[in-house]
């Protein structure tokens, strides 16, 4: 899973905190390989993806979520992701 972020974005910081909390609450979520990609530091790579707002969650080239996110939404993304990967 790729998550595009901006280092100083408060919504990205919250998303990272939610991810950490969810991984502490559920060991299964630790199995998700997450690459955080700072769109400023890796702008050439980030430009290949179709999004405008951060944080943006992708599975491969498929956008899972874009923009402000709540903890429950991160959990739903993780649950769907694991369900798809375990088919």
Foldseek 3Di string as FASTA:
>chain_A
DEWEDAPPDPLQVQVVVLLVVVCVVDVLSVPDDYDYHHCVVPVVVVVVADADAPGWDDDVRRTDDGHRDDSVSVVVSSVVVVVVVVD
